[in-house]
Amino acid sequence: MTKTVSINEVQTQLPGLLALANEGDEIIIEENGEPLAKVLPIEKPKQQKTRTAGLGKGTMWMSDDFNDELPDEFWGFDKEL
């Protein structure tokens, strides 16, 4: 639900307006009939599932020469300068 309040009402009713936002309502603050700001509830993070080690076993692969020195052609110059 959206509730529109004047800036003067915000100053006097802030705790109540924040309670409404906490319940999921949007509050639009206006001054002289013009919208100024919108107060939205913050989405609470979803409960994270616990991680289980080893679920990806066998799905990844790494070359045997992964940690070997890169060839000179990769660097674009000769090593001996």
C-alpha atoms as a PDB file:
ATOM      1  CA  MET A   1       0.000   0.000   0.000  1.00  0.00           C
ATOM      2  CA  THR A   2       1.197   3.525  -0.713  1.00  0.00           C
ATOM      3  CA  LYS A   3       0.586   6.363   1.725  1.00  0.00           C
ATOM      4  CA  THR A   4       1.109  10.022   0.816  1.00  0.00           C
ATOM      5  CA  VAL A   5       1.978  12.463   3.595  1.00  0.00           C
ATOM      6  CA  SER A   6       3.025  16.088   3.723  1.00  0.00           C
ATOM      7  CA  ILE A   7       6.460  17.087   4.929  1.00  0.00           C
ATOM      8  CA  ASN A   8       4.886  18.567   8.077  1.00  0.00           C
ATOM      9  CA  GLU A   9       3.260  15.235   8.895  1.00  0.00           C
ATOM     10  CA  VAL A  10       6.590  13.455   8.504  1.00  0.00           C
ATOM     11  CA  GLN A  11       8.132  15.617  11.188  1.00  0.00           C
ATOM     12  CA  THR A  12       5.428  14.718  13.673  1.00  0.00           C
ATOM     13  CA  GLN A  13       4.664  11.112  12.646  1.00  0.00           C
ATOM     14  CA  LEU A  14       8.085   9.702  11.735  1.00  0.00           C
ATOM     15  CA  PRO A  15       8.016   6.690  14.084  1.00  0.00           C
ATOM     16  CA  GLY A  16       4.598   5.625  12.810  1.00  0.00           C
ATOM     17  CA  LEU A  17       5.599   6.108   9.174  1.00  0.00           C
ATOM     18  CA  LEU A  18       8.729   4.043   9.679  1.00  0.00           C
ATOM     19  CA  ALA A  19       6.600   1.308  11.232  1.00  0.00           C
ATOM     20  CA  LEU A  20       4.423   1.328   8.100  1.00  0.00           C
ATOM     21  CA  ALA A  21       7.510   1.048   5.904  1.00  0.00           C
ATOM     22  CA  ASN A  22       8.730  -1.835   8.055  1.00  0.00           C
ATOM     23  CA  GLU A  23       5.439  -3.607   7.330  1.00  0.00           C
ATOM     24  CA  GLY A  24       6.008  -3.216   3.579  1.00  0.00           C
ATOM     25  CA  ASP A  25       4.171   0.027   2.765  1.00  0.00           C
ATOM     26  CA  GLU A  26       5.628   2.784   0.568  1.00  0.00           C
ATOM     27  CA  ILE A  27       5.459   6.344   1.885  1.00  0.00           C
ATOM     28  CA  ILE A  28       5.541   9.307  -0.514  1.00  0.00           C
ATOM     29  CA  ILE A  29       6.536  12.595   1.087  1.00  0.00           C
ATOM     30  CA  GLU A  30       5.212  15.712  -0.596  1.00  0.00           C
ATOM     31  CA  GLU A  31       5.573  19.443  -0.154  1.00  0.00           C
ATOM     32  CA  ASN A  32       2.929  21.826  -1.481  1.00  0.00           C
ATOM     33  CA  GLY A  33       1.256  18.952  -3.293  1.00  0.00           C
ATOM     34  CA  GLU A  34       4.454  17.960  -5.180  1.00  0.00           C
ATOM     35  CA  PRO A  35       6.122  14.598  -4.470  1.00  0.00           C
ATOM     36  CA  LEU A  36       9.513  15.080  -2.836  1.00  0.00           C
ATOM     37  CA  ALA A  37      10.697  11.644  -1.791  1.00  0.00           C
ATOM     38  CA  LYS A  38       9.637   8.055  -1.477  1.00  0.00           C
ATOM     39  CA  VAL A  39      10.383   5.887   1.548  1.00  0.00           C
ATOM     40  CA  LEU A  40      10.511   2.223   0.600  1.00  0.00           C
ATOM     41  CA  PRO A  41      10.871  -0.820   2.795  1.00  0.00           C
ATOM     42  CA  ILE A  42      14.232  -2.529   2.565  1.00  0.00           C
ATOM     43  CA  GLU A  43      13.984  -6.044   1.252  1.00  0.00           C
ATOM     44  CA  LYS A  44      15.248  -8.417   3.853  1.00  0.00           C
ATOM     45  CA  PRO A  45      17.916 -10.798   2.562  1.00  0.00           C
ATOM     46  CA  LYS A  46      16.797 -14.317   1.902  1.00  0.00           C
ATOM     47  CA  GLN A  47      18.036 -17.001   4.229  1.00  0.00           C
ATOM     48  CA  GLN A  48      21.275 -18.335   2.821  1.00  0.00           C
ATOM     49  CA  LYS A  49      21.550 -22.047   2.442  1.00  0.00           C
ATOM     50  CA  THR A  50      24.512 -23.699   4.066  1.00  0.00           C
ATOM     51  CA  ARG A  51      27.268 -24.622   1.680  1.00  0.00           C
ATOM     52  CA  THR A  52      28.341 -28.216   1.334  1.00  0.00           C
ATOM     53  CA  ALA A  53      31.925 -28.932   0.315  1.00  0.00           C
ATOM     54  CA  GLY A  54      32.488 -31.351  -2.541  1.00  0.00           C
ATOM     55  CA  LEU A  55      29.246 -30.836  -4.457  1.00  0.00           C
ATOM     56  CA  GLY A  56      31.137 -29.748  -7.594  1.00  0.00           C
ATOM     57  CA  LYS A  57      33.628 -32.607  -7.489  1.00  0.00           C
ATOM     58  CA  GLY A  58      34.369 -33.888 -10.974  1.00  0.00           C
ATOM     59  CA  THR A  59      32.782 -30.900 -12.739  1.00  0.00           C
ATOM     60  CA  MET A  60      35.980 -28.848 -13.099  1.00  0.00           C
ATOM     61  CA  TRP A  61      39.214 -29.585 -14.857  1.00  0.00           C
ATOM     62  CA  MET A  62      42.666 -28.063 -14.684  1.00  0.00           C
ATOM     63  CA  SER A  63      45.482 -28.613 -17.181  1.00  0.00           C
ATOM     64  CA  ASP A  64      48.556 -30.473 -15.931  1.00  0.00           C
ATOM     65  CA  ASP A  65      50.771 -27.575 -17.062  1.00  0.00           C
ATOM     66  CA  PHE A  66      48.647 -24.928 -15.290  1.00  0.00           C
ATOM     67  CA  ASN A  67      51.522 -23.731 -13.101  1.00  0.00           C
ATOM     68  CA  ASP A  68      54.265 -23.955 -15.770  1.00  0.00           C
ATOM     69  CA  GLU A  69      56.119 -20.906 -16.995  1.00  0.00           C
ATOM     70  CA  LEU A  70      54.420 -19.069 -19.875  1.00  0.00           C
ATOM     71  CA  PRO A  71      56.149 -19.140 -23.283  1.00  0.00           C
ATOM     72  CA  ASP A  72      58.090 -16.070 -24.465  1.00  0.00           C
ATOM     73  CA  GLU A  73      55.540 -15.514 -27.244  1.00  0.00           C
ATOM     74  CA  PHE A  74      52.932 -14.811 -24.619  1.00  0.00           C
ATOM     75  CA  TRP A  75      54.875 -11.823 -23.290  1.00  0.00           C
ATOM     76  CA  GLY A  76      55.673 -10.444 -26.748  1.00  0.00           C
ATOM     77  CA  PHE A  77      59.422 -10.136 -26.180  1.00  0.00           C
ATOM     78  CA  ASP A  78      62.479 -12.274 -25.515  1.00  0.00           C
ATOM     79  CA  LYS A  79      63.338 -12.804 -21.885  1.00  0.00           C
ATOM     80  CA  GLU A  80      67.023 -12.209 -22.436  1.00  0.00           C
ATOM     81  CA  LEU A  81      67.384  -8.436 -22.718  1.00  0.00           C
END
